Protein backbone atom coordinates (compact mmCIF):
# COMPACT_ATOMS: atom_id res chain seq x y z
CA UNK A 1 -1.68 -4.11 10.05
CA UNK A 2 -0.12 -1.75 12.60
CA UNK A 3 -0.43 -2.29 16.15
CA UNK A 4 -1.07 -5.92 15.90
CA UNK A 5 0.88 -9.15 15.67
CA UNK A 6 1.27 -10.00 11.87
CA UNK A 7 2.81 -13.40 10.51
CA UNK A 8 4.93 -14.11 7.53
CA UNK A 9 5.79 -17.32 5.83
CA UNK A 10 8.79 -18.21 3.68
CA UNK A 11 8.87 -20.68 0.84
CA UNK A 12 12.37 -22.22 0.44
CA UNK A 13 13.51 -24.29 -2.56
CA UNK A 14 16.59 -26.29 -2.80
CA UNK A 15 18.12 -25.99 -6.15
CA UNK A 16 21.03 -27.94 -5.50
CA UNK A 17 22.09 -31.45 -6.11
CA UNK A 18 22.43 -32.25 -2.55
CA UNK A 19 20.18 -32.16 0.55
CA UNK A 20 20.31 -28.73 2.62
CA UNK A 21 20.89 -29.26 6.13
CA UNK A 22 21.03 -26.90 9.14
CA UNK A 23 18.82 -24.52 7.35
CA UNK A 24 18.21 -21.33 9.27
CA UNK A 25 15.93 -18.46 8.33
CA UNK A 26 16.15 -15.00 9.77
CA UNK A 27 13.47 -12.33 9.22
CA UNK A 28 13.66 -8.62 9.36
CA UNK A 29 11.43 -5.59 8.80
CA UNK A 30 11.60 -1.91 8.03
CA UNK A 31 9.56 1.09 7.37
CA UNK A 32 8.35 1.50 3.57
CA UNK A 33 11.62 2.61 1.91
CA UNK A 34 13.75 2.42 -1.21
CA UNK A 35 17.65 2.90 -1.24
CA UNK A 36 18.00 0.46 1.83
CA UNK A 37 21.36 -0.47 3.39
CA UNK A 38 22.09 -3.69 5.39
CA UNK A 39 22.15 -4.00 8.40
CA UNK A 40 21.63 -0.25 9.30
CA UNK A 41 17.88 0.15 8.01
CA UNK A 42 16.53 -3.26 9.41
CA UNK A 43 15.17 -4.63 12.53
CA UNK A 44 14.81 -8.28 13.51
CA UNK A 45 11.20 -9.52 13.66
CA UNK A 46 9.78 -10.63 16.99
CA UNK A 47 10.42 -14.20 15.63
CA UNK A 48 14.05 -13.47 14.84
CA UNK A 49 14.77 -16.85 13.04
CA UNK A 50 13.58 -20.33 12.57
CA UNK A 51 15.07 -23.62 11.72
CA UNK A 52 14.04 -26.24 9.34
CA UNK A 53 13.97 -29.65 11.12
CA UNK A 54 15.33 -32.54 8.90
CA UNK A 55 16.64 -30.35 6.18
CA UNK A 56 15.36 -30.02 2.53
CA UNK A 57 16.15 -32.69 -0.13
CA UNK A 58 17.53 -31.72 -3.53
CA UNK A 59 14.80 -30.35 -5.77
CA UNK A 60 12.54 -30.01 -2.58
CA UNK A 61 10.64 -27.11 -0.94
CA UNK A 62 9.38 -26.12 2.46
CA UNK A 63 7.10 -23.36 3.80
CA UNK A 64 8.68 -22.02 7.04
CA UNK A 65 6.67 -19.87 9.53
CA UNK A 66 5.07 -18.11 11.11
CA UNK A 67 7.46 -15.10 11.67
CA UNK A 68 5.68 -12.73 13.95
CA UNK A 69 6.09 -9.11 14.02
CA UNK A 70 4.26 -5.96 14.79
CA UNK A 71 4.31 -3.19 11.98
CA UNK A 72 4.87 0.37 13.03
CA UNK A 73 4.01 2.16 9.71
CA UNK A 74 0.45 2.24 8.04
CA UNK A 75 -0.07 0.82 4.51
CA UNK A 76 3.00 -1.71 4.49
CA UNK A 77 6.27 -2.43 5.67
CA UNK A 78 9.33 -3.89 3.78
CA UNK A 79 10.37 -7.66 4.66
CA UNK A 80 13.65 -9.16 4.30
CA UNK A 81 14.49 -12.78 4.68
CA UNK A 82 17.96 -14.46 5.00
CA UNK A 83 18.60 -18.17 4.49
CA UNK A 84 21.64 -20.00 5.60
CA UNK A 85 22.52 -23.63 5.32
CA UNK A 86 25.59 -25.85 6.05
CA UNK A 87 28.04 -25.00 3.20
CA UNK A 88 25.67 -22.34 1.74
CA UNK A 89 25.57 -19.23 4.02
CA UNK A 90 23.77 -16.11 3.03
CA UNK A 91 25.96 -13.06 2.37
CA UNK A 92 24.51 -11.36 5.29
CA UNK A 93 25.42 -14.06 7.72
CA UNK A 94 28.56 -13.22 9.66
CA UNK A 95 29.63 -16.84 9.53
CA UNK A 96 30.06 -16.36 5.88
CA UNK A 97 33.16 -14.19 6.50
CA UNK A 98 31.93 -11.82 3.60
CA UNK A 99 32.62 -8.17 4.14
CA UNK A 100 29.09 -7.24 3.16
CA UNK A 101 27.66 -9.25 6.18
CA UNK A 102 28.92 -6.71 8.63
CA UNK A 103 27.89 -3.83 6.17
CA UNK A 104 27.18 -1.26 5.34
CA UNK A 105 26.00 -2.93 2.19
CA UNK A 106 23.50 -1.46 -0.29
CA UNK A 107 20.49 -3.79 -0.90
CA UNK A 108 20.41 -2.94 -4.55
CA UNK A 109 23.52 -4.76 -4.85
CA UNK A 110 23.26 -7.36 -2.11
CA UNK A 111 19.96 -9.04 -2.84
CA UNK A 112 20.22 -9.54 -6.78
CA UNK A 113 23.56 -11.21 -6.22
CA UNK A 114 22.56 -13.83 -3.54
CA UNK A 115 19.66 -16.29 -4.01
CA UNK A 116 19.74 -16.78 -0.24
CA UNK A 117 18.34 -13.46 0.12
CA UNK A 118 14.66 -12.18 -0.30
CA UNK A 119 13.23 -8.67 -0.11
CA UNK A 120 9.57 -8.03 -0.46
CA UNK A 121 8.02 -4.38 -1.02
CA UNK A 122 4.80 -5.41 -2.44
CA UNK A 123 1.66 -3.53 -1.37
CA UNK A 124 -1.86 -4.65 -2.22
CA UNK A 125 -4.31 -1.69 -2.97
CA UNK A 126 -8.11 -1.78 -3.73
CA UNK A 127 -9.01 -2.89 -7.19
CA UNK A 128 -12.62 -3.61 -6.35
CA UNK A 129 -13.48 -0.24 -4.98
CA UNK A 130 -13.75 1.39 -8.34
CA UNK A 131 -12.17 4.84 -8.81
CA UNK A 132 -12.61 6.17 -5.33
CA UNK A 133 -11.23 3.24 -3.64
CA UNK A 134 -7.94 3.36 -5.51
CA UNK A 135 -7.60 7.05 -5.21
CA UNK A 136 -8.14 7.08 -1.53
CA UNK A 137 -5.57 4.28 -1.04
CA UNK A 138 -2.90 6.91 -2.05
CA UNK A 139 -4.17 9.61 0.27
CA UNK A 140 -1.58 10.59 2.90
CA UNK A 141 0.54 7.62 1.76
CA UNK A 142 4.31 8.01 2.12
CA UNK A 143 7.73 6.14 1.81
CA UNK A 144 11.21 7.02 2.34
CA UNK A 145 13.80 7.30 -0.35
CA UNK A 146 17.34 7.21 0.65
CA UNK A 147 20.64 7.73 -1.19
CA UNK A 148 22.80 4.51 -0.52
CA UNK A 149 25.69 5.92 -2.25
CA UNK A 150 28.82 7.23 -0.65
CA UNK A 151 28.37 10.56 -2.49
CA UNK A 152 25.74 13.20 -3.20
CA UNK A 153 23.49 11.80 -5.83
CA UNK A 154 20.76 13.05 -8.24
CA UNK A 155 17.55 11.21 -7.14
CA UNK A 156 14.72 10.42 -9.50
CA UNK A 157 11.32 9.01 -8.41
CA UNK A 158 9.58 7.34 -11.40
CA UNK A 159 5.96 6.29 -11.52
CA UNK A 160 5.52 3.40 -13.81
CA UNK A 161 1.74 3.20 -14.59
CA UNK A 162 0.25 0.03 -16.07
CA UNK A 163 -1.47 0.29 -19.41
CA UNK A 164 -4.74 -0.72 -17.77
CA UNK A 165 -4.74 2.65 -15.90
CA UNK A 166 -2.93 4.85 -18.48
CA UNK A 167 -5.53 4.03 -21.20
CA UNK A 168 -8.07 5.33 -18.74
CA UNK A 169 -6.33 8.65 -18.08
CA UNK A 170 -4.82 7.89 -14.71
CA UNK A 171 -1.54 9.52 -13.45
CA UNK A 172 0.78 10.05 -10.33
CA UNK A 173 2.41 13.00 -9.01
CA UNK A 174 4.75 13.51 -6.05
CA UNK A 175 3.61 16.03 -3.46
CA UNK A 176 6.83 16.17 -1.56
CA UNK A 177 9.49 18.93 -1.87
CA UNK A 178 11.35 18.42 -5.01
CA UNK A 179 8.72 16.17 -6.51
CA UNK A 180 10.26 13.34 -8.51
CA UNK A 181 13.83 14.97 -9.03
CA UNK A 182 16.09 16.22 -6.23
CA UNK A 183 19.61 15.76 -4.73
CA UNK A 184 20.43 13.85 -1.65
CA UNK A 185 23.68 13.75 0.32
CA UNK A 186 25.28 10.34 1.10
CA UNK A 187 23.00 8.19 3.33
CA UNK A 188 20.49 11.07 3.42
CA UNK A 189 16.61 10.39 3.29
CA UNK A 190 13.49 12.27 2.10
CA UNK A 191 9.91 11.37 2.56
CA UNK A 192 8.10 10.65 -0.79
CA UNK A 193 4.37 11.48 -0.82
CA UNK A 194 2.76 9.70 -4.04
CA UNK A 195 -0.70 10.95 -5.07
CA UNK A 196 -2.97 9.46 -7.57
CA UNK A 197 -4.86 11.41 -10.20
CA UNK A 198 -7.92 9.35 -10.81
CA UNK A 199 -9.10 8.85 -14.48
CA UNK A 200 -12.02 6.77 -15.89
CA UNK A 201 -13.79 4.45 -13.45
CA UNK A 202 -13.37 0.61 -13.72
CA UNK A 203 -14.84 -2.47 -12.22
CA UNK A 204 -13.50 -5.45 -10.49
CA UNK A 205 -14.38 -7.49 -13.66
CA UNK A 206 -12.32 -4.97 -15.79
CA UNK A 207 -9.33 -5.68 -13.60
CA UNK A 208 -9.65 -9.55 -13.60
CA UNK A 209 -10.04 -9.55 -17.41
CA UNK A 210 -6.75 -7.50 -17.48
CA UNK A 211 -4.66 -9.95 -15.43
CA UNK A 212 -2.05 -8.78 -13.09
CA UNK A 213 -1.93 -4.92 -12.80
CA UNK A 214 0.44 -3.05 -10.57
CA UNK A 215 1.78 0.42 -10.29
CA UNK A 216 5.62 0.71 -9.77
CA UNK A 217 7.48 3.41 -8.08
CA UNK A 218 11.17 3.20 -9.00
CA UNK A 219 13.98 5.06 -7.15
CA UNK A 220 16.98 5.95 -8.99
CA UNK A 221 20.35 7.46 -7.70
CA UNK A 222 22.59 8.80 -10.36
CA UNK A 223 20.83 6.64 -12.84
CA UNK A 224 21.29 3.47 -10.76
CA UNK A 225 18.06 1.70 -9.78
CA UNK A 226 18.45 1.37 -5.94
CA UNK A 227 14.99 0.26 -4.92
CA UNK A 228 11.28 0.75 -5.57
CA UNK A 229 7.72 -0.31 -4.38
CA UNK A 230 5.22 -2.19 -6.18
CA UNK A 231 1.39 -1.57 -5.64
CA UNK A 232 -0.72 -4.47 -6.93
CA UNK A 233 -4.38 -3.84 -7.56
CA UNK A 234 -6.39 -6.56 -5.78
CA UNK A 235 -9.69 -7.18 -7.55
CA UNK A 236 -11.13 -8.59 -4.32
CA UNK A 237 -10.13 -5.47 -2.02
CA UNK A 238 -12.64 -2.71 -1.85
CA UNK A 239 -10.86 -0.47 0.55
CA UNK A 240 -7.70 -0.43 2.72
CA UNK A 241 -8.08 -1.87 6.26
CA UNK A 242 -8.30 0.74 8.88
CA UNK A 243 -5.09 0.78 10.77
CA UNK A 244 -3.82 2.73 13.87
CA UNK A 245 -1.40 2.24 16.55
CA UNK A 246 -2.47 1.33 20.14
CA UNK A 247 -1.01 4.60 21.32
CA UNK A 248 -2.67 6.60 18.62
CA UNK A 249 -6.01 4.91 19.55
CA UNK A 250 -5.59 6.09 23.14
CA UNK A 251 -4.58 9.68 21.89
CA UNK A 252 -7.63 9.71 19.77
CA UNK A 253 -9.93 8.58 22.79
CA UNK A 254 -8.37 11.18 25.08
CA UNK A 255 -8.73 13.89 22.39
CA UNK A 256 -12.59 12.85 21.97
CA UNK A 257 -12.91 13.02 25.86
CA UNK A 258 -11.36 16.45 25.90
CA UNK A 259 -13.60 17.51 23.09
CA UNK A 260 -16.65 16.52 25.01
CA UNK A 261 -15.54 18.14 28.14
CA UNK A 262 -14.85 21.23 26.22
CA UNK A 263 -18.23 21.13 24.63
CA UNK A 264 -19.87 20.58 28.13
CA UNK A 265 -17.91 23.66 29.50
CA UNK A 266 -19.17 25.58 26.54
CA UNK A 267 -22.85 24.68 26.94
CA UNK A 268 -22.47 25.52 30.76
CA UNK A 269 -20.91 28.84 29.63
CA UNK A 270 -23.77 29.48 27.29
CA UNK A 271 -26.44 28.51 29.91
CA UNK A 272 -24.87 31.06 32.48
CA UNK A 273 -24.69 33.79 29.96
CA UNK A 274 -28.28 33.21 28.97
CA UNK A 275 -29.34 33.40 32.61
CA UNK A 276 -27.38 36.54 33.19
CA UNK A 277 -28.98 38.17 30.01
CA UNK A 278 -32.38 37.24 31.19
CA UNK A 279 -31.63 38.91 34.46
CA UNK A 280 -30.32 42.01 32.71
CA UNK A 281 -33.45 42.13 30.46
CA UNK A 282 -35.85 41.67 33.50
CA UNK A 283 -34.07 44.49 35.45
CA UNK A 284 -34.23 46.66 32.35
CA UNK A 285 -38.10 46.15 32.21
CA UNK A 286 -38.62 46.94 35.80
CA UNK A 287 -36.54 50.22 35.32
CA UNK A 288 -38.61 51.03 32.37
CA UNK A 289 -41.92 50.44 34.19
CA UNK A 290 -40.96 52.38 37.24
CA UNK A 291 -42.55 55.97 37.60
CA UNK A 292 -40.30 58.61 36.80
CA UNK A 293 -40.20 62.31 38.36
CA UNK A 294 -39.18 65.02 36.20
CA UNK A 295 -37.95 68.12 37.72
CA UNK A 296 -38.11 71.52 35.89
CA UNK A 297 -36.71 74.58 36.88
CA UNK A 298 -37.88 77.75 35.38
CA UNK A 299 -36.02 81.17 36.35
CA UNK A 300 -38.39 84.20 36.12
CA UNK A 301 -36.80 87.66 35.86
């Protein structure tokens, strides 16, 4: 939720044969994006890092949190977690002495190659609000697609629709310039505006019976998958929560106040004009009722 303090939790598993000691987790967030680069695109959460007291035994797991942060973008933000321990540093940890730690390092290469890193770009959308609820969830929705490559690349934005929706005639289009295919220079970005075209209606029960249902948007650069977003249909969600930044709320209140003042001024103006018109009509009636003298001159030869 934008404008409010949110909390995230991280589950950490020790897959090694020895206890993990000195475990430290760092949390980051960014606007909804694909084609991200470390560390340029990330900002530390308000709770920048937490440590695990006592370590994690071999085969054990622990949930760490809360990581507090205040999102700035409606709909969702991407989260990134980095875990380091003694003898097992994350590749984003400067203490690892890895070149990628200082960056710039594309996330599509960084995250899959390091199990100490976790990137989440999963967004729940209404699955219990029937057709209207899901279509509305994509109105004015946006995300940023970036080219993380050091060269100009052909970008492709692909909507991978689940069979649950395809069978009901649903589709997705992109209303941004270039639609789902365009070129971007190195490290350039474009705002993507996905829009759902609704098909047949469905119920929460239909969704539950179908199991996990998600819309995936994949972002490609020269044929390489550089990121994406996953929109999961939640059978318990009827509509998206209403979100607005505090300053936006203040601006809206100020705009409403100005509108009220304008309406009051308009009403006052109409009242004055009405009074003036009544006065003009009264004067006209008096003029009409006043006796008139007509002078007739006739010249006789």
